[in-house]
Amino acid sequence: MNTKQIEVSILGQPYRLACSPETEAALLEAVARVDAEMTKIRTNSNVRGQDRIAVMAALSLASELLRLQASVRHGESFPAEEIRRTMHQMNEQLGTVIQQYSVQ
């Protein structure tokens, strides 16, 4: 597996991370999300110390993930592929209707 090193910053602290070129964009998105959550906690609460802020951010993100997983299990959210498939079917149906009326 081909790995590369990338430099990122979370809450002003530099980190060097290893990732494959294929996962770099997702990793950078995750870094941005963690940094944003930690910054929000530092700004909006009395929590001090990076370790405590990191734990609070981890708990917040884990809670968000668990809520999302529960909503998917209960049918409140749909996986992206299912949404794409439904949109494709709807576009085909609309195309058929439009074609029927444009021929007349």
PDB file of N, CA and C in Angstrom:
ATOM      1  N   MET A   1       0.836  -1.168   0.000  1.00  0.00           N
ATOM      2  CA  MET A   1       0.000   0.000   0.000  1.00  0.00           C
ATOM      3  C   MET A   1       0.886   1.238   0.000  1.00  0.00           C
ATOM      4  N   ASN A   2       0.541   2.181  -0.817  1.00  0.00           N
ATOM      5  CA  ASN A   2       1.295   3.413  -0.951  1.00  0.00           C
ATOM      6  C   ASN A   2       0.789   4.423   0.071  1.00  0.00           C
ATOM      7  N   THR A   3       1.639   4.834   1.022  1.00  0.00           N
ATOM      8  CA  THR A   3       1.219   5.811   2.020  1.00  0.00           C
ATOM      9  C   THR A   3       2.029   7.085   1.877  1.00  0.00           C
ATOM     10  N   LYS A   4       1.429   8.148   2.336  1.00  0.00           N
ATOM     11  CA  LYS A   4       2.114   9.431   2.323  1.00  0.00           C
ATOM     12  C   LYS A   4       1.894  10.098   3.663  1.00  0.00           C
ATOM     13  N   GLN A   5       2.733  11.053   3.977  1.00  0.00           N
ATOM     14  CA  GLN A   5       2.626  11.818   5.209  1.00  0.00           C
ATOM     15  C   GLN A   5       1.987  13.162   4.882  1.00  0.00           C
ATOM     16  N   ILE A   6       1.026  13.561   5.702  1.00  0.00           N
ATOM     17  CA  ILE A   6       0.439  14.882   5.538  1.00  0.00           C
ATOM     18  C   ILE A   6       0.530  15.619   6.868  1.00  0.00           C
ATOM     19  N   GLU A   7       0.668  16.923   6.788  1.00  0.00           N
ATOM     20  CA  GLU A   7       0.721  17.779   7.973  1.00  0.00           C
ATOM     21  C   GLU A   7      -0.640  18.440   8.130  1.00  0.00           C
ATOM     22  N   VAL A   8      -1.203  18.350   9.319  1.00  0.00           N
ATOM     23  CA  VAL A   8      -2.484  18.984   9.605  1.00  0.00           C
ATOM     24  C   VAL A   8      -2.369  19.740  10.918  1.00  0.00           C
ATOM     25  N   SER A   9      -3.368  20.566  11.190  1.00  0.00           N
ATOM     26  CA  SER A   9      -3.413  21.306  12.439  1.00  0.00           C
ATOM     27  C   SER A   9      -4.789  21.122  13.051  1.00  0.00           C
ATOM     28  N   ILE A  10      -4.800  20.739  14.330  1.00  0.00           N
ATOM     29  CA  ILE A  10      -6.042  20.604  15.069  1.00  0.00           C
ATOM     30  C   ILE A  10      -5.903  21.439  16.329  1.00  0.00           C
ATOM     31  N   LEU A  11      -6.783  22.405  16.462  1.00  0.00           N
ATOM     32  CA  LEU A  11      -6.770  23.337  17.585  1.00  0.00           C
ATOM     33  C   LEU A  11      -5.392  23.992  17.745  1.00  0.00           C
ATOM     34  N   GLY A  12      -4.788  24.319  16.601  1.00  0.00           N
ATOM     35  CA  GLY A  12      -3.503  25.002  16.598  1.00  0.00           C
ATOM     36  C   GLY A  12      -2.290  24.110  16.801  1.00  0.00           C
ATOM     37  N   GLN A  13      -2.516  22.826  17.003  1.00  0.00           N
ATOM     38  CA  GLN A  13      -1.403  21.891  17.205  1.00  0.00           C
ATOM     39  C   GLN A  13      -1.124  21.147  15.902  1.00  0.00           C
ATOM     40  N   PRO A  14       0.138  21.090  15.497  1.00  0.00           N
ATOM     41  CA  PRO A  14       0.453  20.360  14.266  1.00  0.00           C
ATOM     42  C   PRO A  14       0.497  18.841  14.509  1.00  0.00           C
ATOM     43  N   TYR A  15       0.022  18.107  13.537  1.00  0.00           N
ATOM     44  CA  TYR A  15       0.071  16.638  13.568  1.00  0.00           C
ATOM     45  C   TYR A  15       0.519  16.148  12.208  1.00  0.00           C
ATOM     46  N   ARG A  16       1.319  15.100  12.219  1.00  0.00           N
ATOM     47  CA  ARG A  16       1.740  14.444  10.988  1.00  0.00           C
ATOM     48  C   ARG A  16       0.996  13.118  10.935  1.00  0.00           C
ATOM     49  N   LEU A  17       0.245  12.912   9.856  1.00  0.00           N
ATOM     50  CA  LEU A  17      -0.567  11.715   9.716  1.00  0.00           C
ATOM     51  C   LEU A  17      -0.175  10.959   8.455  1.00  0.00           C
ATOM     52  N   ALA A  18      -0.310   9.655   8.511  1.00  0.00           N
ATOM     53  CA  ALA A  18      -0.054   8.817   7.348  1.00  0.00           C
ATOM     54  C   ALA A  18      -1.386   8.383   6.755  1.00  0.00           C
ATOM     55  N   CYS A  19      -1.462   8.404   5.433  1.00  0.00           N
ATOM     56  CA  CYS A  19      -2.669   7.945   4.753  1.00  0.00           C
ATOM     57  C   CYS A  19      -2.316   7.547   3.332  1.00  0.00           C
ATOM     58  N   SER A  20      -3.226   6.828   2.715  1.00  0.00           N
ATOM     59  CA  SER A  20      -3.045   6.509   1.302  1.00  0.00           C
ATOM     60  C   SER A  20      -3.560   7.687   0.488  1.00  0.00           C
ATOM     61  N   PRO A  21      -3.089   7.835  -0.728  1.00  0.00           N
ATOM     62  CA  PRO A  21      -3.585   8.940  -1.562  1.00  0.00           C
ATOM     63  C   PRO A  21      -5.102   8.885  -1.740  1.00  0.00           C
ATOM     64  N   GLU A  22      -5.676   7.693  -1.761  1.00  0.00           N
ATOM     65  CA  GLU A  22      -7.120   7.532  -1.956  1.00  0.00           C
ATOM     66  C   GLU A  22      -7.926   8.025  -0.758  1.00  0.00           C
ATOM     67  N   THR A  23      -7.336   7.988   0.427  1.00  0.00           N
ATOM     68  CA  THR A  23      -8.081   8.364   1.627  1.00  0.00           C
ATOM     69  C   THR A  23      -7.729   9.765   2.136  1.00  0.00           C
ATOM     70  N   GLU A  24      -6.834  10.453   1.434  1.00  0.00           N
ATOM     71  CA  GLU A  24      -6.379  11.766   1.912  1.00  0.00           C
ATOM     72  C   GLU A  24      -7.529  12.767   2.029  1.00  0.00           C
ATOM     73  N   ALA A  25      -8.373  12.856   1.027  1.00  0.00           N
ATOM     74  CA  ALA A  25      -9.466  13.836   1.063  1.00  0.00           C
ATOM     75  C   ALA A  25     -10.404  13.562   2.238  1.00  0.00           C
ATOM     76  N   ALA A  26     -10.739  12.305   2.464  1.00  0.00           N
ATOM     77  CA  ALA A  26     -11.627  11.956   3.578  1.00  0.00           C
ATOM     78  C   ALA A  26     -10.951  12.262   4.916  1.00  0.00           C
ATOM     79  N   LEU A  27      -9.664  11.992   5.007  1.00  0.00           N
ATOM     80  CA  LEU A  27      -8.934  12.278   6.244  1.00  0.00           C
ATOM     81  C   LEU A  27      -8.893  13.778   6.509  1.00  0.00           C
ATOM     82  N   LEU A  28      -8.646  14.567   5.481  1.00  0.00           N
ATOM     83  CA  LEU A  28      -8.622  16.021   5.645  1.00  0.00           C
ATOM     84  C   LEU A  28     -10.004  16.547   6.052  1.00  0.00           C
ATOM     85  N   GLU A  29     -11.050  15.946   5.532  1.00  0.00           N
ATOM     86  CA  GLU A  29     -12.407  16.334   5.932  1.00  0.00           C
ATOM     87  C   GLU A  29     -12.647  15.989   7.402  1.00  0.00           C
ATOM     88  N   ALA A  30     -12.173  14.815   7.820  1.00  0.00           N
ATOM     89  CA  ALA A  30     -12.315  14.415   9.221  1.00  0.00           C
ATOM     90  C   ALA A  30     -11.517  15.345  10.134  1.00  0.00           C
ATOM     91  N   VAL A  31     -10.320  15.713   9.725  1.00  0.00           N
ATOM     92  CA  VAL A  31      -9.496  16.645  10.504  1.00  0.00           C
ATOM     93  C   VAL A  31     -10.228  17.971  10.658  1.00  0.00           C
ATOM     94  N   ALA A  32     -10.800  18.471   9.575  1.00  0.00           N
ATOM     95  CA  ALA A  32     -11.526  19.738   9.635  1.00  0.00           C
ATOM     96  C   ALA A  32     -12.721  19.638  10.576  1.00  0.00           C
ATOM     97  N   ARG A  33     -13.408  18.506  10.563  1.00  0.00           N
ATOM     98  CA  ARG A  33     -14.580  18.313  11.435  1.00  0.00           C
ATOM     99  C   ARG A  33     -14.156  18.263  12.900  1.00  0.00           C
ATOM    100  N   VAL A  34     -13.086  17.539  13.193  1.00  0.00           N
ATOM    101  CA  VAL A  34     -12.584  17.450  14.571  1.00  0.00           C
ATOM    102  C   VAL A  34     -12.098  18.822  15.040  1.00  0.00           C
ATOM    103  N   ASP A  35     -11.363  19.515  14.190  1.00  0.00           N
ATOM    104  CA  ASP A  35     -10.871  20.836  14.547  1.00  0.00           C
ATOM    105  C   ASP A  35     -12.036  21.792  14.825  1.00  0.00           C
ATOM    106  N   ALA A  36     -13.052  21.753  13.988  1.00  0.00           N
ATOM    107  CA  ALA A  36     -14.218  22.623  14.183  1.00  0.00           C
ATOM    108  C   ALA A  36     -14.931  22.297  15.493  1.00  0.00           C
ATOM    109  N   GLU A  37     -15.089  21.022  15.797  1.00  0.00           N
ATOM    110  CA  GLU A  37     -15.777  20.620  17.029  1.00  0.00           C
ATOM    111  C   GLU A  37     -14.964  21.035  18.258  1.00  0.00           C
ATOM    112  N   MET A  38     -13.663  20.842  18.213  1.00  0.00           N
ATOM    113  CA  MET A  38     -12.819  21.226  19.346  1.00  0.00           C
ATOM    114  C   MET A  38     -12.802  22.742  19.526  1.00  0.00           C
ATOM    115  N   THR A  39     -12.760  23.476  18.434  1.00  0.00           N
ATOM    116  CA  THR A  39     -12.788  24.934  18.508  1.00  0.00           C
ATOM    117  C   THR A  39     -14.113  25.411  19.102  1.00  0.00           C
ATOM    118  N   LYS A  40     -15.210  24.803  18.688  1.00  0.00           N
ATOM    119  CA  LYS A  40     -16.530  25.163  19.214  1.00  0.00           C
ATOM    120  C   LYS A  40     -16.592  24.921  20.720  1.00  0.00           C
ATOM    121  N   ILE A  41     -16.059  23.792  21.173  1.00  0.00           N
ATOM    122  CA  ILE A  41     -16.080  23.471  22.601  1.00  0.00           C
ATOM    123  C   ILE A  41     -15.209  24.451  23.387  1.00  0.00           C
ATOM    124  N   ARG A  42     -14.032  24.752  22.858  1.00  0.00           N
ATOM    125  CA  ARG A  42     -13.148  25.693  23.546  1.00  0.00           C
ATOM    126  C   ARG A  42     -13.777  27.083  23.634  1.00  0.00           C
ATOM    127  N   THR A  43     -14.453  27.487  22.580  1.00  0.00           N
ATOM    128  CA  THR A  43     -15.056  28.817  22.527  1.00  0.00           C
ATOM    129  C   THR A  43     -16.315  28.929  23.377  1.00  0.00           C
ATOM    130  N   ASN A  44     -17.137  27.879  23.378  1.00  0.00           N
ATOM    131  CA  ASN A  44     -18.472  27.970  23.985  1.00  0.00           C
ATOM    132  C   ASN A  44     -18.614  27.296  25.344  1.00  0.00           C
ATOM    133  N   SER A  45     -17.527  26.886  25.950  1.00  0.00           N
ATOM    134  CA  SER A  45     -17.657  26.225  27.248  1.00  0.00           C
ATOM    135  C   SER A  45     -16.502  26.636  28.159  1.00  0.00           C
ATOM    136  N   ASN A  46     -16.582  26.162  29.375  1.00  0.00           N
ATOM    137  CA  ASN A  46     -15.520  26.421  30.347  1.00  0.00           C
ATOM    138  C   ASN A  46     -14.476  25.310  30.358  1.00  0.00           C
ATOM    139  N   VAL A  47     -14.584  24.371  29.451  1.00  0.00           N
ATOM    140  CA  VAL A  47     -13.629  23.266  29.406  1.00  0.00           C
ATOM    141  C   VAL A  47     -12.275  23.820  28.975  1.00  0.00           C
ATOM    142  N   ARG A  48     -11.247  23.504  29.738  1.00  0.00           N
ATOM    143  CA  ARG A  48      -9.900  23.962  29.425  1.00  0.00           C
ATOM    144  C   ARG A  48      -8.972  22.753  29.383  1.00  0.00           C
ATOM    145  N   GLY A  49      -7.919  22.896  28.660  1.00  0.00           N
ATOM    146  CA  GLY A  49      -6.955  21.809  28.487  1.00  0.00           C
ATOM    147  C   GLY A  49      -7.313  21.018  27.238  1.00  0.00           C
ATOM    148  N   GLN A  50      -6.326  20.849  26.379  1.00  0.00           N
ATOM    149  CA  GLN A  50      -6.592  20.177  25.106  1.00  0.00           C
ATOM    150  C   GLN A  50      -7.072  18.748  25.282  1.00  0.00           C
ATOM    151  N   ASP A  51      -6.579  18.052  26.306  1.00  0.00           N
ATOM    152  CA  ASP A  51      -7.025  16.675  26.486  1.00  0.00           C
ATOM    153  C   ASP A  51      -8.502  16.624  26.834  1.00  0.00           C
ATOM    154  N   ARG A  52      -8.965  17.522  27.687  1.00  0.00           N
ATOM    155  CA  ARG A  52     -10.385  17.569  28.057  1.00  0.00           C
ATOM    156  C   ARG A  52     -11.244  18.014  26.873  1.00  0.00           C
ATOM    157  N   ILE A  53     -10.756  18.998  26.120  1.00  0.00           N
ATOM    158  CA  ILE A  53     -11.479  19.444  24.933  1.00  0.00           C
ATOM    159  C   ILE A  53     -11.576  18.302  23.928  1.00  0.00           C
ATOM    160  N   ALA A  54     -10.499  17.549  23.754  1.00  0.00           N
ATOM    161  CA  ALA A  54     -10.498  16.418  22.827  1.00  0.00           C
ATOM    162  C   ALA A  54     -11.507  15.358  23.253  1.00  0.00           C
ATOM    163  N   VAL A  55     -11.579  15.066  24.554  1.00  0.00           N
ATOM    164  CA  VAL A  55     -12.536  14.074  25.048  1.00  0.00           C
ATOM    165  C   VAL A  55     -13.956  14.568  24.818  1.00  0.00           C
ATOM    166  N   MET A  56     -14.231  15.826  25.109  1.00  0.00           N
ATOM    167  CA  MET A  56     -15.570  16.368  24.904  1.00  0.00           C
ATOM    168  C   MET A  56     -15.941  16.347  23.415  1.00  0.00           C
ATOM    169  N   ALA A  57     -14.993  16.676  22.549  1.00  0.00           N
ATOM    170  CA  ALA A  57     -15.241  16.636  21.109  1.00  0.00           C
ATOM    171  C   ALA A  57     -15.503  15.204  20.656  1.00  0.00           C
ATOM    172  N   ALA A  58     -14.720  14.258  21.170  1.00  0.00           N
ATOM    173  CA  ALA A  58     -14.927  12.854  20.815  1.00  0.00           C
ATOM    174  C   ALA A  58     -16.315  12.388  21.242  1.00  0.00           C
ATOM    175  N   LEU A  59     -16.738  12.778  22.437  1.00  0.00           N
ATOM    176  CA  LEU A  59     -18.069  12.408  22.912  1.00  0.00           C
ATOM    177  C   LEU A  59     -19.160  13.046  22.054  1.00  0.00           C
ATOM    178  N   SER A  60     -18.979  14.289  21.695  1.00  0.00           N
ATOM    179  CA  SER A  60     -19.958  14.974  20.854  1.00  0.00           C
ATOM    180  C   SER A  60     -20.069  14.317  19.485  1.00  0.00           C
ATOM    181  N   LEU A  61     -18.923  14.013  18.870  1.00  0.00           N
ATOM    182  CA  LEU A  61     -18.932  13.382  17.552  1.00  0.00           C
ATOM    183  C   LEU A  61     -19.470  11.959  17.617  1.00  0.00           C
ATOM    184  N   ALA A  62     -19.141  11.227  18.677  1.00  0.00           N
ATOM    185  CA  ALA A  62     -19.666   9.866  18.839  1.00  0.00           C
ATOM    186  C   ALA A  62     -21.176   9.906  19.020  1.00  0.00           C
ATOM    187  N   SER A  63     -21.664  10.871  19.780  1.00  0.00           N
ATOM    188  CA  SER A  63     -23.098  11.025  19.981  1.00  0.00           C
ATOM    189  C   SER A  63     -23.798  11.321  18.655  1.00  0.00           C
ATOM    190  N   GLU A  64     -23.201  12.201  17.862  1.00  0.00           N
ATOM    191  CA  GLU A  64     -23.750  12.529  16.544  1.00  0.00           C
ATOM    192  C   GLU A  64     -23.798  11.289  15.650  1.00  0.00           C
ATOM    193  N   LEU A  65     -22.730  10.512  15.672  1.00  0.00           N
ATOM    194  CA  LEU A  65     -22.675   9.285  14.884  1.00  0.00           C
ATOM    195  C   LEU A  65     -23.741   8.289  15.326  1.00  0.00           C
ATOM    196  N   LEU A  66     -23.905   8.119  16.625  1.00  0.00           N
ATOM    197  CA  LEU A  66     -24.911   7.190  17.141  1.00  0.00           C
ATOM    198  C   LEU A  66     -26.325   7.634  16.767  1.00  0.00           C
ATOM    199  N   ARG A  67     -26.607   8.942  16.824  1.00  0.00           N
ATOM    200  CA  ARG A  67     -27.926   9.443  16.410  1.00  0.00           C
ATOM    201  C   ARG A  67     -28.165   9.165  14.936  1.00  0.00           C
ATOM    202  N   LEU A  68     -27.147   9.380  14.106  1.00  0.00           N
ATOM    203  CA  LEU A  68     -27.263   9.124  12.676  1.00  0.00           C
ATOM    204  C   LEU A  68     -27.498   7.642  12.407  1.00  0.00           C
ATOM    205  N   GLN A  69     -26.742   6.779  13.085  1.00  0.00           N
ATOM    206  CA  GLN A  69     -26.921   5.337  12.905  1.00  0.00           C
ATOM    207  C   GLN A  69     -28.323   4.904  13.320  1.00  0.00           C
ATOM    208  N   ALA A  70     -28.820   5.450  14.413  1.00  0.00           N
ATOM    209  CA  ALA A  70     -30.168   5.109  14.871  1.00  0.00           C
ATOM    210  C   ALA A  70     -31.205   5.577  13.865  1.00  0.00           C
ATOM    211  N   SER A  71     -31.032   6.765  13.300  1.00  0.00           N
ATOM    212  CA  SER A  71     -32.007   7.258  12.328  1.00  0.00           C
ATOM    213  C   SER A  71     -31.996   6.407  11.063  1.00  0.00           C
ATOM    214  N   VAL A  72     -30.835   5.909  10.658  1.00  0.00           N
ATOM    215  CA  VAL A  72     -30.759   5.020   9.496  1.00  0.00           C
ATOM    216  C   VAL A  72     -31.478   3.713   9.809  1.00  0.00           C
ATOM    217  N   ARG A  73     -31.252   3.173  11.006  1.00  0.00           N
ATOM    218  CA  ARG A  73     -31.929   1.921  11.392  1.00  0.00           C
ATOM    219  C   ARG A  73     -33.434   2.074  11.422  1.00  0.00           C
ATOM    220  N   HIS A  74     -33.912   3.243  11.791  1.00  0.00           N
ATOM    221  CA  HIS A  74     -35.354   3.472  11.890  1.00  0.00           C
ATOM    222  C   HIS A  74     -35.949   4.015  10.594  1.00  0.00           C
ATOM    223  N   GLY A  75     -35.156   4.043   9.548  1.00  0.00           N
ATOM    224  CA  GLY A  75     -35.654   4.472   8.251  1.00  0.00           C
ATOM    225  C   GLY A  75     -35.829   5.968   8.106  1.00  0.00           C
ATOM    226  N   GLU A  76     -35.270   6.736   9.016  1.00  0.00           N
ATOM    227  CA  GLU A  76     -35.410   8.188   8.941  1.00  0.00           C
ATOM    228  C   GLU A  76     -34.385   8.808   7.997  1.00  0.00           C
ATOM    229  N   SER A  77     -33.330   8.099   7.713  1.00  0.00           N
ATOM    230  CA  SER A  77     -32.301   8.562   6.783  1.00  0.00           C
ATOM    231  C   SER A  77     -32.098   7.470   5.743  1.00  0.00           C
ATOM    232  N   PHE A  78     -31.645   7.857   4.592  1.00  0.00           N
ATOM    233  CA  PHE A  78     -31.422   6.892   3.531  1.00  0.00           C
ATOM    234  C   PHE A  78     -29.959   6.921   3.113  1.00  0.00           C
ATOM    235  N   PRO A  79     -29.396   5.763   2.832  1.00  0.00           N
ATOM    236  CA  PRO A  79     -28.029   5.738   2.317  1.00  0.00           C
ATOM    237  C   PRO A  79     -27.949   6.468   0.973  1.00  0.00           C
ATOM    238  N   ALA A  80     -26.821   7.051   0.694  1.00  0.00           N
ATOM    239  CA  ALA A  80     -26.632   7.847  -0.520  1.00  0.00           C
ATOM    240  C   ALA A  80     -26.954   7.056  -1.782  1.00  0.00           C
ATOM    241  N   GLU A  81     -26.569   5.801  -1.829  1.00  0.00           N
ATOM    242  CA  GLU A  81     -26.820   5.001  -3.033  1.00  0.00           C
ATOM    243  C   GLU A  81     -28.317   4.815  -3.261  1.00  0.00           C
ATOM    244  N   GLU A  82     -29.072   4.643  -2.210  1.00  0.00           N
ATOM    245  CA  GLU A  82     -30.519   4.505  -2.348  1.00  0.00           C
ATOM    246  C   GLU A  82     -31.133   5.808  -2.856  1.00  0.00           C
ATOM    247  N   ILE A  83     -30.620   6.920  -2.390  1.00  0.00           N
ATOM    248  CA  ILE A  83     -31.110   8.220  -2.867  1.00  0.00           C
ATOM    249  C   ILE A  83     -30.796   8.383  -4.350  1.00  0.00           C
ATOM    250  N   ARG A  84     -29.580   8.034  -4.759  1.00  0.00           N
ATOM    251  CA  ARG A  84     -29.212   8.125  -6.179  1.00  0.00           C
ATOM    252  C   ARG A  84     -30.117   7.249  -7.041  1.00  0.00           C
ATOM    253  N   ARG A  85     -30.371   6.030  -6.593  1.00  0.00           N
ATOM    254  CA  ARG A  85     -31.210   5.096  -7.343  1.00  0.00           C
ATOM    255  C   ARG A  85     -32.635   5.645  -7.470  1.00  0.00           C
ATOM    256  N   THR A  86     -33.173   6.171  -6.387  1.00  0.00           N
ATOM    257  CA  THR A  86     -34.521   6.734  -6.412  1.00  0.00           C
ATOM    258  C   THR A  86     -34.590   7.936  -7.344  1.00  0.00           C
ATOM    259  N   MET A  87     -33.590   8.808  -7.277  1.00  0.00           N
ATOM    260  CA  MET A  87     -33.561   9.974  -8.157  1.00  0.00           C
ATOM    261  C   MET A  87     -33.477   9.549  -9.629  1.00  0.00           C
ATOM    262  N   HIS A  88     -32.690   8.533  -9.908  1.00  0.00           N
ATOM    263  CA  HIS A  88     -32.574   8.037 -11.285  1.00  0.00           C
ATOM    264  C   HIS A  88     -33.918   7.512 -11.775  1.00  0.00           C
ATOM    265  N   GLN A  89     -34.611   6.746 -10.946  1.00  0.00           N
ATOM    266  CA  GLN A  89     -35.928   6.221 -11.322  1.00  0.00           C
ATOM    267  C   GLN A  89     -36.917   7.358 -11.551  1.00  0.00           C
ATOM    268  N   MET A  90     -36.895   8.354 -10.681  1.00  0.00           N
ATOM    269  CA  MET A  90     -37.801   9.490 -10.835  1.00  0.00           C
ATOM    270  C   MET A  90     -37.500  10.259 -12.123  1.00  0.00           C
ATOM    271  N   ASN A  91     -36.221  10.439 -12.439  1.00  0.00           N
ATOM    272  CA  ASN A  91     -35.850  11.121 -13.678  1.00  0.00           C
ATOM    273  C   ASN A  91     -36.313  10.350 -14.899  1.00  0.00           C
ATOM    274  N   GLU A  92     -36.197   9.020 -14.854  1.00  0.00           N
ATOM    275  CA  GLU A  92     -36.680   8.201 -15.967  1.00  0.00           C
ATOM    276  C   GLU A  92     -38.187   8.343 -16.130  1.00  0.00           C
ATOM    277  N   GLN A  93     -38.918   8.305 -15.016  1.00  0.00           N
ATOM    278  CA  GLN A  93     -40.373   8.450 -15.078  1.00  0.00           C
ATOM    279  C   GLN A  93     -40.761   9.824 -15.615  1.00  0.00           C
ATOM    280  N   LEU A  94     -40.081  10.860 -15.148  1.00  0.00           N
ATOM    281  CA  LEU A  94     -40.357  12.204 -15.654  1.00  0.00           C
ATOM    282  C   LEU A  94     -40.039  12.307 -17.144  1.00  0.00           C
ATOM    283  N   GLY A  95     -38.944  11.705 -17.552  1.00  0.00           N
ATOM    284  CA  GLY A  95     -38.576  11.711 -18.970  1.00  0.00           C
ATOM    285  C   GLY A  95     -39.628  11.049 -19.829  1.00  0.00           C
ATOM    286  N   THR A  96     -40.180   9.954 -19.344  1.00  0.00           N
ATOM    287  CA  THR A  96     -41.231   9.240 -20.076  1.00  0.00           C
ATOM    288  C   THR A  96     -42.475  10.104 -20.203  1.00  0.00           C
ATOM    289  N   VAL A  97     -42.884  10.735 -19.105  1.00  0.00           N
ATOM    290  CA  VAL A  97     -44.077  11.601 -19.128  1.00  0.00           C
ATOM    291  C   VAL A  97     -43.858  12.783 -20.052  1.00  0.00           C
ATOM    292  N   ILE A  98     -42.703  13.412 -19.953  1.00  0.00           N
ATOM    293  CA  ILE A  98     -42.400  14.567 -20.810  1.00  0.00           C
ATOM    294  C   ILE A  98     -42.411  14.153 -22.281  1.00  0.00           C
ATOM    295  N   GLN A  99     -41.855  13.003 -22.564  1.00  0.00           N
ATOM    296  CA  GLN A  99     -41.812  12.525 -23.953  1.00  0.00           C
ATOM    297  C   GLN A  99     -43.227  12.258 -24.464  1.00  0.00           C
ATOM    298  N   GLN A 100     -44.078  11.690 -23.641  1.00  0.00           N
ATOM    299  CA  GLN A 100     -45.462  11.425 -24.048  1.00  0.00           C
ATOM    300  C   GLN A 100     -46.179  12.715 -24.419  1.00  0.00           C
ATOM    301  N   TYR A 101     -45.992  13.758 -23.618  1.00  0.00           N
ATOM    302  CA  TYR A 101     -46.693  15.006 -23.866  1.00  0.00           C
ATOM    303  C   TYR A 101     -46.046  15.841 -24.950  1.00  0.00           C
ATOM    304  N   SER A 102     -44.775  15.667 -25.200  1.00  0.00           N
ATOM    305  CA  SER A 102     -44.127  16.463 -26.252  1.00  0.00           C
ATOM    306  C   SER A 102     -44.397  15.883 -27.636  1.00  0.00           C
ATOM    307  N   VAL A 103     -44.765  14.605 -27.734  1.00  0.00           N
ATOM    308  CA  VAL A 103     -45.069  13.973 -29.023  1.00  0.00           C
ATOM    309  C   VAL A 103     -46.437  14.412 -29.500  1.00  0.00           C
ATOM    310  N   GLN A 104     -47.341  14.702 -28.606  1.00  0.00           N
ATOM    311  CA  GLN A 104     -48.709  15.059 -28.980  1.00  0.00           C
ATOM    312  C   GLN A 104     -48.799  16.397 -29.623  1.00  0.00           C
TER     313      GLN A 104
END
